[in-house]
Amino acid sequence: MSQGRKLRAGLIGLGAMGRNHARVLSNLDGVELVGVVDPAGDVTGTLRAPVVPELADLLAMGIDYAVVACPTALHERIGLELAANGVCALIEKPLAQSVEAATTLVEAFEAAGLVAGVGHIERYNPALQSLRTRLEAGELGEVFQVVTRRQGPFPHRIADVGVVMDLATHDIDLTAWVTGQEYTSVSARTVSRSGRLHEDMVAVVGQLADGTMVNHLVNWLSPLKERSTVVTGDKGCFVADTLTADLTFYANAAIDTEWEALRAFRGVAEGDMVRYAIPKREPLLVEHERFRDAVEGKQSDIVTLRQGLRTVRVAAGLLESASDGKVVSVVASGNDAEPALR
């Protein structure tokens, strides 16, 4: 697509995440950051690219793709305008604030034949990438349970969605991705203690298509910042700390016991612990490299809009369950299938 020239990229939104995108885009091989949209301008005065107030100003510069890092409530409007103008897009997670809006975006970009993805950055965390590879290789045997904990102080930049859409979507996506299984049902309880419109704590119990049990504890009410994913199976458990990008394996020693009396009981015993040495590249940089390659027409592993839609569908199920006090089925519809490559 670039035909030997640099891809021309734009950025929409200069919040905390937007500035990280600007930093990476400014130094990304094969890409030129040509403009940024933010009505407040560049308050730090550090950007080399011009900052304009309206999306129309950015489109007039001629861009190949845009990174959408504005508030979630604006994703649908901004995304539809990009699709209508033939611009590929990497949209920050969540894809949209509702299933309906996410579906509209999927249909718009697919109809236009444009590359589009969702910024579920945890997929590019070295610990989770190593975990997924090991699960695919069968190193854990049968998977029984996935437990995630994601908690920390309140991010004051978030005002238009609650903790389910803002944080729990990370855990929904990474759980489905590392296990290769879709959610079938969820049950959730939420509370709001910060005085804001949306929920700020959620506890989730769910089930995946293969019967794996899922638990998520997510909040932004804790002074302790924690990002943990624990996958337990027949041969032990993996613990991924995505703050430090460390992956540790705790073996189930009972599998290898020589004692016949114990072998009759298929249980667990404390075994060896291994912390893996993993190359630790910045996840945001890897995410941008993958999306750049996809825009250039190369084979690349990005989070598609349909995958982002499925995550929004599960998150909506959590909110519905918390509201109604019931278990909610979140089986994907037939329309969620990825379209065949053309």
C-alpha atoms as a PDB file:
ATOM      1  CA  MET A   1       0.000   0.000   0.000  1.00  0.00           C
ATOM      2  CA  SER A   2       2.853   2.366   0.785  1.00  0.00           C
ATOM      3  CA  GLN A   3       4.754   1.515  -2.447  1.00  0.00           C
ATOM      4  CA  GLY A   4       8.139   2.277  -0.894  1.00  0.00           C
ATOM      5  CA  ARG A   5       7.096   5.529   0.761  1.00  0.00           C
ATOM      6  CA  LYS A   6       6.371   6.036   4.410  1.00  0.00           C
ATOM      7  CA  LEU A   7       2.801   5.517   5.544  1.00  0.00           C
ATOM      8  CA  ARG A   8       1.140   8.776   6.556  1.00  0.00           C
ATOM      9  CA  ALA A   9      -0.453   8.367   9.990  1.00  0.00           C
ATOM     10  CA  GLY A  10      -2.717  10.613  12.022  1.00  0.00           C
ATOM     11  CA  LEU A  11      -3.632  10.576  15.696  1.00  0.00           C
ATOM     12  CA  ILE A  12      -6.962  11.570  17.214  1.00  0.00           C
ATOM     13  CA  GLY A  13      -6.782  12.445  20.914  1.00  0.00           C
ATOM     14  CA  LEU A  14      -3.928  13.682  23.094  1.00  0.00           C
ATOM     15  CA  GLY A  15      -4.890  12.261  26.449  1.00  0.00           C
ATOM     16  CA  ALA A  16      -2.577  10.048  28.491  1.00  0.00           C
ATOM     17  CA  MET A  17      -2.846   7.148  26.056  1.00  0.00           C
ATOM     18  CA  GLY A  18      -2.819   9.439  23.035  1.00  0.00           C
ATOM     19  CA  ARG A  19       0.547  10.873  24.049  1.00  0.00           C
ATOM     20  CA  ASN A  20       1.978   7.373  24.272  1.00  0.00           C
ATOM     21  CA  HIS A  21       0.690   6.681  20.771  1.00  0.00           C
ATOM     22  CA  ALA A  22       2.272   9.933  19.577  1.00  0.00           C
ATOM     23  CA  ARG A  23       5.619   8.938  21.085  1.00  0.00           C
ATOM     24  CA  VAL A  24       5.611   5.558  19.331  1.00  0.00           C
ATOM     25  CA  LEU A  25       4.280   6.869  16.007  1.00  0.00           C
ATOM     26  CA  SER A  26       6.949   9.594  15.950  1.00  0.00           C
ATOM     27  CA  ASN A  27       9.683   6.945  15.891  1.00  0.00           C
ATOM     28  CA  LEU A  28       8.011   4.061  14.057  1.00  0.00           C
ATOM     29  CA  ASP A  29       9.941   2.730  11.069  1.00  0.00           C
ATOM     30  CA  GLY A  30       8.110   3.227   7.795  1.00  0.00           C
ATOM     31  CA  VAL A  31       5.591   5.677   9.280  1.00  0.00           C
ATOM     32  CA  GLU A  32       5.345   9.450   9.414  1.00  0.00           C
ATOM     33  CA  LEU A  33       3.076  11.086  11.999  1.00  0.00           C
ATOM     34  CA  VAL A  34       1.711  13.950   9.909  1.00  0.00           C
ATOM     35  CA  GLY A  35      -0.931  15.415  12.207  1.00  0.00           C
ATOM     36  CA  VAL A  36      -2.838  15.171  15.458  1.00  0.00           C
ATOM     37  CA  VAL A  37      -6.426  16.118  16.297  1.00  0.00           C
ATOM     38  CA  ASP A  38      -7.193  17.593  19.711  1.00  0.00           C
ATOM     39  CA  PRO A  39      -9.358  20.652  20.412  1.00  0.00           C
ATOM     40  CA  ALA A  40      -7.120  21.573  23.365  1.00  0.00           C
ATOM     41  CA  GLY A  41      -3.993  21.612  21.222  1.00  0.00           C
ATOM     42  CA  ASP A  42      -0.550  20.476  22.362  1.00  0.00           C
ATOM     43  CA  VAL A  43      -0.423  21.841  25.903  1.00  0.00           C
ATOM     44  CA  THR A  44       3.133  20.573  26.402  1.00  0.00           C
ATOM     45  CA  GLY A  45       4.489  21.931  23.142  1.00  0.00           C
ATOM     46  CA  THR A  46       6.584  18.800  22.604  1.00  0.00           C
ATOM     47  CA  LEU A  47       5.024  17.327  19.464  1.00  0.00           C
ATOM     48  CA  ARG A  48       6.788  17.694  16.149  1.00  0.00           C
ATOM     49  CA  ALA A  49       3.575  17.093  14.182  1.00  0.00           C
ATOM     50  CA  PRO A  50       0.968  19.858  13.822  1.00  0.00           C
ATOM     51  CA  VAL A  51      -2.054  19.692  16.127  1.00  0.00           C
ATOM     52  CA  VAL A  52      -5.394  20.643  14.561  1.00  0.00           C
ATOM     53  CA  PRO A  53      -8.825  21.083  16.164  1.00  0.00           C
ATOM     54  CA  GLU A  54     -11.010  19.049  13.778  1.00  0.00           C
ATOM     55  CA  LEU A  55     -10.857  15.674  12.070  1.00  0.00           C
ATOM     56  CA  ALA A  56     -11.554  17.370   8.731  1.00  0.00           C
ATOM     57  CA  ASP A  57      -8.266  19.247   9.096  1.00  0.00           C
ATOM     58  CA  LEU A  58      -6.391  15.969   9.539  1.00  0.00           C
ATOM     59  CA  LEU A  59      -8.148  14.314   6.603  1.00  0.00           C
ATOM     60  CA  ALA A  60      -7.154  17.236   4.407  1.00  0.00           C
ATOM     61  CA  MET A  61      -3.486  16.391   5.067  1.00  0.00           C
ATOM     62  CA  GLY A  62      -3.917  13.038   3.324  1.00  0.00           C
ATOM     63  CA  ILE A  63      -3.419  10.079   5.668  1.00  0.00           C
ATOM     64  CA  ASP A  64      -3.249   6.317   5.167  1.00  0.00           C
ATOM     65  CA  TYR A  65      -4.412   5.439   8.648  1.00  0.00           C
ATOM     66  CA  ALA A  66      -5.378   6.989  11.960  1.00  0.00           C
ATOM     67  CA  VAL A  67      -5.056   5.978  15.589  1.00  0.00           C
ATOM     68  CA  VAL A  68      -8.252   6.777  17.490  1.00  0.00           C
ATOM     69  CA  ALA A  69      -7.435   7.591  21.126  1.00  0.00           C
ATOM     70  CA  CYS A  70     -10.294   9.945  21.945  1.00  0.00           C
ATOM     71  CA  PRO A  71     -13.001   9.205  24.582  1.00  0.00           C
ATOM     72  CA  THR A  72     -14.918   5.984  23.951  1.00  0.00           C
ATOM     73  CA  ALA A  73     -18.193   7.854  23.395  1.00  0.00           C
ATOM     74  CA  LEU A  74     -16.669   9.432  20.267  1.00  0.00           C
ATOM     75  CA  HIS A  75     -15.335   6.231  18.701  1.00  0.00           C
ATOM     76  CA  GLU A  76     -18.422   5.552  16.602  1.00  0.00           C
ATOM     77  CA  ARG A  77     -18.649   9.037  15.063  1.00  0.00           C
ATOM     78  CA  ILE A  78     -14.907   9.345  14.441  1.00  0.00           C
ATOM     79  CA  GLY A  79     -14.611   5.804  13.108  1.00  0.00           C
ATOM     80  CA  LEU A  80     -17.498   6.197  10.684  1.00  0.00           C
ATOM     81  CA  GLU A  81     -15.992   9.399   9.303  1.00  0.00           C
ATOM     82  CA  LEU A  82     -12.634   7.680   8.795  1.00  0.00           C
ATOM     83  CA  ALA A  83     -14.278   4.736   7.036  1.00  0.00           C
ATOM     84  CA  ALA A  84     -16.277   7.069   4.806  1.00  0.00           C
ATOM     85  CA  ASN A  85     -13.026   8.770   3.761  1.00  0.00           C
ATOM     86  CA  GLY A  86     -11.151   5.528   3.017  1.00  0.00           C
ATOM     87  CA  VAL A  87      -8.823   5.762   6.018  1.00  0.00           C
ATOM     88  CA  CYS A  88      -7.709   2.638   7.915  1.00  0.00           C
ATOM     89  CA  ALA A  89      -7.985   2.858  11.693  1.00  0.00           C
ATOM     90  CA  LEU A  90      -6.512   1.494  14.898  1.00  0.00           C
ATOM     91  CA  ILE A  91      -9.178   2.237  17.510  1.00  0.00           C
ATOM     92  CA  GLU A  92      -8.315   2.175  21.194  1.00  0.00           C
ATOM     93  CA  LYS A  93     -10.197  -0.319  23.310  1.00  0.00           C
ATOM     94  CA  PRO A  94     -13.027  -0.702  23.886  1.00  0.00           C
ATOM     95  CA  LEU A  95     -14.123  -0.571  20.263  1.00  0.00           C
ATOM     96  CA  ALA A  96     -17.250   1.347  21.282  1.00  0.00           C
ATOM     97  CA  GLN A  97     -19.421   1.935  24.323  1.00  0.00           C
ATOM     98  CA  SER A  98     -22.252  -0.344  23.133  1.00  0.00           C
ATOM     99  CA  VAL A  99     -22.790  -3.458  21.062  1.00  0.00           C
ATOM    100  CA  GLU A 100     -24.850  -1.456  18.574  1.00  0.00           C
ATOM    101  CA  ALA A 101     -22.128   1.157  18.046  1.00  0.00           C
ATOM    102  CA  ALA A 102     -19.427  -1.517  17.763  1.00  0.00           C
ATOM    103  CA  THR A 103     -21.497  -3.400  15.185  1.00  0.00           C
ATOM    104  CA  THR A 104     -21.938  -0.229  13.136  1.00  0.00           C
ATOM    105  CA  LEU A 105     -18.167   0.295  13.065  1.00  0.00           C
ATOM    106  CA  VAL A 106     -17.495  -3.304  12.027  1.00  0.00           C
ATOM    107  CA  GLU A 107     -19.951  -3.066   9.159  1.00  0.00           C
ATOM    108  CA  ALA A 108     -18.630   0.318   7.984  1.00  0.00           C
ATOM    109  CA  PHE A 109     -14.978  -0.702   7.770  1.00  0.00           C
ATOM    110  CA  GLU A 110     -15.751  -4.087   6.222  1.00  0.00           C
ATOM    111  CA  ALA A 111     -18.007  -2.491   3.603  1.00  0.00           C
ATOM    112  CA  ALA A 112     -15.189  -0.077   2.734  1.00  0.00           C
ATOM    113  CA  GLY A 113     -12.626  -2.915   2.528  1.00  0.00           C
ATOM    114  CA  LEU A 114     -10.329  -1.143   4.997  1.00  0.00           C
ATOM    115  CA  VAL A 115      -7.861  -2.533   7.533  1.00  0.00           C
ATOM    116  CA  ALA A 116      -9.086  -1.755  11.037  1.00  0.00           C
ATOM    117  CA  GLY A 117      -8.107  -3.002  14.477  1.00  0.00           C
ATOM    118  CA  VAL A 118      -8.665  -2.509  18.177  1.00  0.00           C
ATOM    119  CA  GLY A 119      -5.955  -1.506  20.640  1.00  0.00           C
ATOM    120  CA  HIS A 120      -6.165  -4.418  23.059  1.00  0.00           C
ATOM    121  CA  ILE A 121      -2.543  -3.923  24.097  1.00  0.00           C
ATOM    122  CA  GLU A 122      -2.364  -6.851  26.536  1.00  0.00           C
ATOM    123  CA  ARG A 123      -2.163  -9.254  23.585  1.00  0.00           C
ATOM    124  CA  TYR A 124       1.316  -7.867  22.953  1.00  0.00           C
ATOM    125  CA  ASN A 125       2.526  -8.217  26.538  1.00  0.00           C
ATOM    126  CA  PRO A 126       5.529 -10.583  26.475  1.00  0.00           C
ATOM    127  CA  ALA A 127       4.271 -12.608  29.451  1.00  0.00           C
ATOM    128  CA  LEU A 128       0.880 -13.244  27.861  1.00  0.00           C
ATOM    129  CA  GLN A 129       2.353 -14.011  24.447  1.00  0.00           C
ATOM    130  CA  SER A 130       4.613 -16.620  26.033  1.00  0.00           C
ATOM    131  CA  LEU A 131       1.681 -17.978  28.056  1.00  0.00           C
ATOM    132  CA  ARG A 132      -0.467 -18.397  24.954  1.00  0.00           C
ATOM    133  CA  THR A 133       2.312 -20.212  23.110  1.00  0.00           C
ATOM    134  CA  ARG A 134       2.782 -22.609  26.032  1.00  0.00           C
ATOM    135  CA  LEU A 135      -0.941 -23.281  26.367  1.00  0.00           C
ATOM    136  CA  GLU A 136      -1.146 -24.028  22.630  1.00  0.00           C
ATOM    137  CA  ALA A 137       1.740 -26.482  23.060  1.00  0.00           C
ATOM    138  CA  GLY A 138      -0.193 -28.310  25.775  1.00  0.00           C
ATOM    139  CA  GLU A 139       2.297 -27.542  28.557  1.00  0.00           C
ATOM    140  CA  LEU A 140      -0.559 -27.145  31.081  1.00  0.00           C
ATOM    141  CA  GLY A 141      -2.644 -30.075  29.889  1.00  0.00           C
ATOM    142  CA  GLU A 142      -6.372 -29.555  30.328  1.00  0.00           C
ATOM    143  CA  VAL A 143      -7.159 -25.978  31.407  1.00  0.00           C
ATOM    144  CA  PHE A 144      -9.502 -25.710  34.384  1.00  0.00           C
ATOM    145  CA  GLN A 145      -9.662 -22.042  35.292  1.00  0.00           C
ATOM    146  CA  VAL A 146      -8.509 -18.544  34.342  1.00  0.00           C
ATOM    147  CA  VAL A 147      -8.385 -15.928  37.113  1.00  0.00           C
ATOM    148  CA  THR A 148      -7.470 -12.296  36.522  1.00  0.00           C
ATOM    149  CA  ARG A 149      -6.998  -9.423  38.960  1.00  0.00           C
ATOM    150  CA  ARG A 150      -6.758  -5.885  37.616  1.00  0.00           C
ATOM    151  CA  GLN A 151      -6.970  -3.168  40.219  1.00  0.00           C
ATOM    152  CA  GLY A 152      -5.461   0.194  41.023  1.00  0.00           C
ATOM    153  CA  PRO A 153      -6.190   3.873  41.678  1.00  0.00           C
ATOM    154  CA  PHE A 154      -8.928   5.725  39.795  1.00  0.00           C
ATOM    155  CA  PRO A 155      -7.843   7.123  36.396  1.00  0.00           C
ATOM    156  CA  HIS A 156      -9.308  10.624  36.414  1.00  0.00           C
ATOM    157  CA  ARG A 157      -9.047  10.823  32.631  1.00  0.00           C
ATOM    158  CA  ILE A 158     -11.914   8.303  32.283  1.00  0.00           C
ATOM    159  CA  ALA A 159     -15.371   9.868  32.512  1.00  0.00           C
ATOM    160  CA  ASP A 160     -17.609   8.306  29.849  1.00  0.00           C
ATOM    161  CA  VAL A 161     -17.495   4.603  30.787  1.00  0.00           C
ATOM    162  CA  GLY A 162     -17.136   2.548  33.947  1.00  0.00           C
ATOM    163  CA  VAL A 163     -14.604  -0.020  35.024  1.00  0.00           C
ATOM    164  CA  VAL A 164     -16.273  -2.788  32.991  1.00  0.00           C
ATOM    165  CA  MET A 165     -15.743  -1.126  29.614  1.00  0.00           C
ATOM    166  CA  ASP A 166     -12.484   0.594  30.549  1.00  0.00           C
ATOM    167  CA  LEU A 167     -10.571  -2.153  32.371  1.00  0.00           C
ATOM    168  CA  ALA A 168     -12.497  -5.435  32.291  1.00  0.00           C
ATOM    169  CA  THR A 169     -12.387  -5.448  28.485  1.00  0.00           C
ATOM    170  CA  HIS A 170      -8.627  -6.053  28.814  1.00  0.00           C
ATOM    171  CA  ASP A 171      -9.284  -9.251  30.770  1.00  0.00           C
ATOM    172  CA  ILE A 172     -12.144 -10.405  28.566  1.00  0.00           C
ATOM    173  CA  ASP A 173     -10.028 -10.118  25.436  1.00  0.00           C
ATOM    174  CA  LEU A 174      -6.850 -11.631  26.865  1.00  0.00           C
ATOM    175  CA  THR A 175      -8.728 -14.574  28.389  1.00  0.00           C
ATOM    176  CA  ALA A 176     -10.443 -15.485  25.114  1.00  0.00           C
ATOM    177  CA  TRP A 177      -7.154 -14.967  23.254  1.00  0.00           C
ATOM    178  CA  VAL A 178      -4.772 -16.996  25.445  1.00  0.00           C
ATOM    179  CA  THR A 179      -7.214 -19.909  25.736  1.00  0.00           C
ATOM    180  CA  GLY A 180      -8.556 -19.757  22.181  1.00  0.00           C
ATOM    181  CA  GLN A 181     -12.075 -20.045  23.607  1.00  0.00           C
ATOM    182  CA  GLU A 182     -15.105 -17.755  23.475  1.00  0.00           C
ATOM    183  CA  TYR A 183     -17.251 -16.844  26.477  1.00  0.00           C
ATOM    184  CA  THR A 184     -20.625 -18.568  26.722  1.00  0.00           C
ATOM    185  CA  SER A 185     -22.040 -17.087  29.939  1.00  0.00           C
ATOM    186  CA  VAL A 186     -21.216 -14.490  32.586  1.00  0.00           C
ATOM    187  CA  SER A 187     -22.472 -13.412  35.982  1.00  0.00           C
ATOM    188  CA  ALA A 188     -21.326 -10.139  37.552  1.00  0.00           C
ATOM    189  CA  ARG A 189     -21.752  -7.857  40.537  1.00  0.00           C
ATOM    190  CA  THR A 190     -20.773  -4.206  40.463  1.00  0.00           C
ATOM    191  CA  VAL A 191     -20.536  -1.366  42.983  1.00  0.00           C
ATOM    192  CA  SER A 192     -19.999   2.376  42.671  1.00  0.00           C
ATOM    193  CA  ARG A 193     -18.184   4.068  45.533  1.00  0.00           C
ATOM    194  CA  SER A 194     -16.433   7.007  43.866  1.00  0.00           C
ATOM    195  CA  GLY A 195     -19.574   9.095  43.419  1.00  0.00           C
ATOM    196  CA  ARG A 196     -19.423   8.918  39.629  1.00  0.00           C
ATOM    197  CA  LEU A 197     -22.127   7.838  37.233  1.00  0.00           C
ATOM    198  CA  HIS A 198     -20.563   4.493  36.311  1.00  0.00           C
ATOM    199  CA  GLU A 199     -19.485   1.398  38.247  1.00  0.00           C
ATOM    200  CA  ASP A 200     -15.973   1.355  39.683  1.00  0.00           C
ATOM    201  CA  MET A 201     -15.682  -2.275  40.839  1.00  0.00           C
ATOM    202  CA  VAL A 202     -16.794  -5.561  39.303  1.00  0.00           C
ATOM    203  CA  ALA A 203     -16.528  -9.222  40.268  1.00  0.00           C
ATOM    204  CA  VAL A 204     -17.170 -11.734  37.480  1.00  0.00           C
ATOM    205  CA  VAL A 205     -17.768 -15.463  37.184  1.00  0.00           C
ATOM    206  CA  GLY A 206     -17.919 -16.805  33.657  1.00  0.00           C
ATOM    207  CA  GLN A 207     -17.622 -19.896  31.501  1.00  0.00           C
ATOM    208  CA  LEU A 208     -15.831 -20.478  28.217  1.00  0.00           C
ATOM    209  CA  ALA A 209     -16.987 -22.693  25.360  1.00  0.00           C
ATOM    210  CA  ASP A 210     -14.853 -25.644  26.513  1.00  0.00           C
ATOM    211  CA  GLY A 211     -16.160 -25.430  30.084  1.00  0.00           C
ATOM    212  CA  THR A 212     -13.209 -23.512  31.538  1.00  0.00           C
ATOM    213  CA  MET A 213     -14.182 -21.454  34.583  1.00  0.00           C
ATOM    214  CA  VAL A 214     -13.321 -17.752  34.494  1.00  0.00           C
ATOM    215  CA  ASN A 215     -13.046 -15.233  37.330  1.00  0.00           C
ATOM    216  CA  HIS A 216     -12.272 -11.535  36.996  1.00  0.00           C
ATOM    217  CA  LEU A 217     -11.805  -9.036  39.832  1.00  0.00           C
ATOM    218  CA  VAL A 218     -11.486  -5.520  38.458  1.00  0.00           C
ATOM    219  CA  ASN A 219     -11.551  -2.148  40.181  1.00  0.00           C
ATOM    220  CA  TRP A 220     -10.035   1.322  40.252  1.00  0.00           C
ATOM    221  CA  LEU A 221     -10.601   1.810  43.985  1.00  0.00           C
ATOM    222  CA  SER A 222      -7.389   0.230  45.266  1.00  0.00           C
ATOM    223  CA  PRO A 223      -4.079   1.941  46.124  1.00  0.00           C
ATOM    224  CA  LEU A 224      -2.462  -1.377  45.150  1.00  0.00           C
ATOM    225  CA  LYS A 225      -1.841  -1.622  41.415  1.00  0.00           C
ATOM    226  CA  GLU A 226      -2.099  -5.229  40.294  1.00  0.00           C
ATOM    227  CA  ARG A 227      -2.237  -6.917  36.907  1.00  0.00           C
ATOM    228  CA  SER A 228      -2.300 -10.687  37.306  1.00  0.00           C
ATOM    229  CA  THR A 229      -3.474 -13.579  35.137  1.00  0.00           C
ATOM    230  CA  VAL A 230      -3.436 -17.098  36.622  1.00  0.00           C
ATOM    231  CA  VAL A 231      -4.244 -20.120  34.461  1.00  0.00           C
ATOM    232  CA  THR A 232      -4.674 -23.408  36.318  1.00  0.00           C
ATOM    233  CA  GLY A 233      -4.716 -26.802  34.632  1.00  0.00           C
ATOM    234  CA  ASP A 234      -3.927 -30.460  34.914  1.00  0.00           C
ATOM    235  CA  LYS A 235      -0.133 -30.031  35.077  1.00  0.00           C
ATOM    236  CA  GLY A 236       0.056 -26.945  37.305  1.00  0.00           C
ATOM    237  CA  CYS A 237      -0.524 -23.246  36.865  1.00  0.00           C
ATOM    238  CA  PHE A 238       0.941 -20.282  35.021  1.00  0.00           C
ATOM    239  CA  VAL A 239       1.080 -16.855  36.657  1.00  0.00           C
ATOM    240  CA  ALA A 240       1.549 -13.873  34.342  1.00  0.00           C
ATOM    241  CA  ASP A 241       2.320 -10.472  35.852  1.00  0.00           C
ATOM    242  CA  THR A 242       1.680  -8.002  33.060  1.00  0.00           C
ATOM    243  CA  LEU A 243       3.112  -5.073  35.019  1.00  0.00           C
ATOM    244  CA  THR A 244       6.562  -6.672  35.026  1.00  0.00           C
ATOM    245  CA  ALA A 245       5.992  -8.960  31.993  1.00  0.00           C
ATOM    246  CA  ASP A 246       7.077 -11.969  34.089  1.00  0.00           C
ATOM    247  CA  LEU A 247       5.714 -15.484  33.558  1.00  0.00           C
ATOM    248  CA  THR A 248       6.070 -18.155  36.246  1.00  0.00           C
ATOM    249  CA  PHE A 249       5.091 -21.821  36.152  1.00  0.00           C
ATOM    250  CA  TYR A 250       4.162 -23.811  39.270  1.00  0.00           C
ATOM    251  CA  ALA A 251       4.268 -27.515  38.490  1.00  0.00           C
ATOM    252  CA  ASN A 252       1.832 -30.084  39.832  1.00  0.00           C
ATOM    253  CA  ALA A 253       4.221 -32.659  41.279  1.00  0.00           C
ATOM    254  CA  ALA A 254       1.451 -35.177  41.909  1.00  0.00           C
ATOM    255  CA  ILE A 255       1.421 -36.059  38.212  1.00  0.00           C
ATOM    256  CA  ASP A 256       4.929 -37.518  38.426  1.00  0.00           C
ATOM    257  CA  THR A 257       4.709 -39.190  41.840  1.00  0.00           C
ATOM    258  CA  GLU A 258       6.085 -42.711  42.235  1.00  0.00           C
ATOM    259  CA  TRP A 259       3.938 -43.492  45.257  1.00  0.00           C
ATOM    260  CA  GLU A 260       1.140 -45.832  44.140  1.00  0.00           C
ATOM    261  CA  ALA A 261      -1.112 -44.838  47.046  1.00  0.00           C
ATOM    262  CA  LEU A 262      -1.074 -41.232  45.907  1.00  0.00           C
ATOM    263  CA  ARG A 263      -1.312 -42.051  42.221  1.00  0.00           C
ATOM    264  CA  ALA A 264      -4.795 -43.457  42.883  1.00  0.00           C
ATOM    265  CA  PHE A 265      -5.906 -39.944  43.854  1.00  0.00           C
ATOM    266  CA  ARG A 266      -5.625 -37.562  40.928  1.00  0.00           C
ATOM    267  CA  GLY A 267      -4.804 -34.457  42.946  1.00  0.00           C
ATOM    268  CA  VAL A 268      -2.088 -31.835  43.232  1.00  0.00           C
ATOM    269  CA  ALA A 269       1.155 -31.392  45.099  1.00  0.00           C
ATOM    270  CA  GLU A 270       3.677 -28.584  45.191  1.00  0.00           C
ATOM    271  CA  GLY A 271       6.321 -29.058  42.549  1.00  0.00           C
ATOM    272  CA  ASP A 272       9.028 -27.064  40.835  1.00  0.00           C
ATOM    273  CA  MET A 273       8.649 -23.354  40.181  1.00  0.00           C
ATOM    274  CA  VAL A 274      10.134 -21.867  37.016  1.00  0.00           C
ATOM    275  CA  ARG A 275      10.293 -18.192  36.062  1.00  0.00           C
ATOM    276  CA  TYR A 276      10.910 -17.885  32.353  1.00  0.00           C
ATOM    277  CA  ALA A 277      13.406 -15.533  30.764  1.00  0.00           C
ATOM    278  CA  ILE A 278      11.373 -13.638  28.158  1.00  0.00           C
ATOM    279  CA  PRO A 279      12.510 -10.920  25.724  1.00  0.00           C
ATOM    280  CA  LYS A 280      10.617  -7.821  26.851  1.00  0.00           C
ATOM    281  CA  ARG A 281       9.763  -5.442  24.024  1.00  0.00           C
ATOM    282  CA  GLU A 282       7.307  -2.614  24.665  1.00  0.00           C
ATOM    283  CA  PRO A 283       3.776  -3.913  23.967  1.00  0.00           C
ATOM    284  CA  LEU A 284       2.597  -0.612  22.442  1.00  0.00           C
ATOM    285  CA  LEU A 285       5.482  -0.624  19.972  1.00  0.00           C
ATOM    286  CA  VAL A 286       4.731  -4.212  18.953  1.00  0.00           C
ATOM    287  CA  GLU A 287       1.051  -3.333  18.531  1.00  0.00           C
ATOM    288  CA  HIS A 288       1.949  -0.454  16.197  1.00  0.00           C
ATOM    289  CA  GLU A 289       4.380  -2.579  14.206  1.00  0.00           C
ATOM    290  CA  ARG A 290       1.727  -5.234  13.660  1.00  0.00           C
ATOM    291  CA  PHE A 291      -0.861  -2.685  12.572  1.00  0.00           C
ATOM    292  CA  ARG A 292       1.572  -0.909  10.249  1.00  0.00           C
ATOM    293  CA  ASP A 293       2.340  -4.241   8.581  1.00  0.00           C
ATOM    294  CA  ALA A 294      -1.375  -4.976   8.158  1.00  0.00           C
ATOM    295  CA  VAL A 295      -1.962  -1.596   6.502  1.00  0.00           C
ATOM    296  CA  GLU A 296       0.915  -2.349   4.128  1.00  0.00           C
ATOM    297  CA  GLY A 297      -0.859  -5.549   3.109  1.00  0.00           C
ATOM    298  CA  LYS A 298       1.447  -7.934   4.935  1.00  0.00           C
ATOM    299  CA  GLN A 299       0.285 -10.919   6.955  1.00  0.00           C
ATOM    300  CA  SER A 300       0.003  -9.593  10.497  1.00  0.00           C
ATOM    301  CA  ASP A 301      -1.630 -10.554  13.775  1.00  0.00           C
ATOM    302  CA  ILE A 302      -3.894  -7.662  14.788  1.00  0.00           C
ATOM    303  CA  VAL A 303      -7.023  -7.529  16.952  1.00  0.00           C
ATOM    304  CA  THR A 304      -9.805  -7.302  14.379  1.00  0.00           C
ATOM    305  CA  LEU A 305     -12.942  -5.218  14.795  1.00  0.00           C
ATOM    306  CA  ARG A 306     -15.036  -8.384  15.014  1.00  0.00           C
ATOM    307  CA  GLN A 307     -12.875  -9.598  17.890  1.00  0.00           C
ATOM    308  CA  GLY A 308     -13.330  -6.177  19.484  1.00  0.00           C
ATOM    309  CA  LEU A 309     -17.098  -6.484  18.963  1.00  0.00           C
ATOM    310  CA  ARG A 310     -17.151  -9.847  20.748  1.00  0.00           C
ATOM    311  CA  THR A 311     -15.347  -8.287  23.708  1.00  0.00           C
ATOM    312  CA  VAL A 312     -17.884  -5.436  23.851  1.00  0.00           C
ATOM    313  CA  ARG A 313     -20.667  -8.035  23.690  1.00  0.00           C
ATOM    314  CA  VAL A 314     -19.266  -9.847  26.746  1.00  0.00           C
ATOM    315  CA  ALA A 315     -18.772  -6.549  28.615  1.00  0.00           C
ATOM    316  CA  ALA A 316     -22.382  -5.613  27.881  1.00  0.00           C
ATOM    317  CA  GLY A 317     -23.366  -9.011  29.279  1.00  0.00           C
ATOM    318  CA  LEU A 318     -21.546  -8.188  32.517  1.00  0.00           C
ATOM    319  CA  LEU A 319     -23.443  -4.922  32.884  1.00  0.00           C
ATOM    320  CA  GLU A 320     -26.728  -6.674  32.101  1.00  0.00           C
ATOM    321  CA  SER A 321     -26.014  -9.383  34.670  1.00  0.00           C
ATOM    322  CA  ALA A 322     -25.082  -6.837  37.332  1.00  0.00           C
ATOM    323  CA  SER A 323     -28.291  -4.920  36.637  1.00  0.00           C
ATOM    324  CA  ASP A 324     -30.652  -7.905  36.543  1.00  0.00           C
ATOM    325  CA  GLY A 325     -28.903 -10.241  39.000  1.00  0.00           C
ATOM    326  CA  LYS A 326     -28.974 -13.094  36.484  1.00  0.00           C
ATOM    327  CA  VAL A 327     -26.548 -15.254  34.538  1.00  0.00           C
ATOM    328  CA  VAL A 328     -26.343 -13.865  31.003  1.00  0.00           C
ATOM    329  CA  SER A 329     -25.648 -15.923  27.884  1.00  0.00           C
ATOM    330  CA  VAL A 330     -23.088 -14.279  25.620  1.00  0.00           C
ATOM    331  CA  VAL A 331     -22.827 -16.838  22.853  1.00  0.00           C
ATOM    332  CA  ALA A 332     -21.582 -15.014  19.752  1.00  0.00           C
ATOM    333  CA  SER A 333     -24.057 -14.612  16.935  1.00  0.00           C
ATOM    334  CA  GLY A 334     -23.366 -15.975  13.474  1.00  0.00           C
ATOM    335  CA  ASN A 335     -22.671 -12.423  12.324  1.00  0.00           C
ATOM    336  CA  ASP A 336     -19.602 -12.276  14.590  1.00  0.00           C
ATOM    337  CA  ALA A 337     -17.627 -14.616  12.336  1.00  0.00           C
ATOM    338  CA  GLU A 338     -14.611 -13.142  10.604  1.00  0.00           C
ATOM    339  CA  PRO A 339     -15.261 -12.544   6.893  1.00  0.00           C
ATOM    340  CA  ALA A 340     -13.315 -14.617   4.409  1.00  0.00           C
ATOM    341  CA  LEU A 341     -10.197 -12.989   2.984  1.00  0.00           C
ATOM    342  CA  ARG A 342     -10.748 -11.466  -0.418  1.00  0.00           C
END
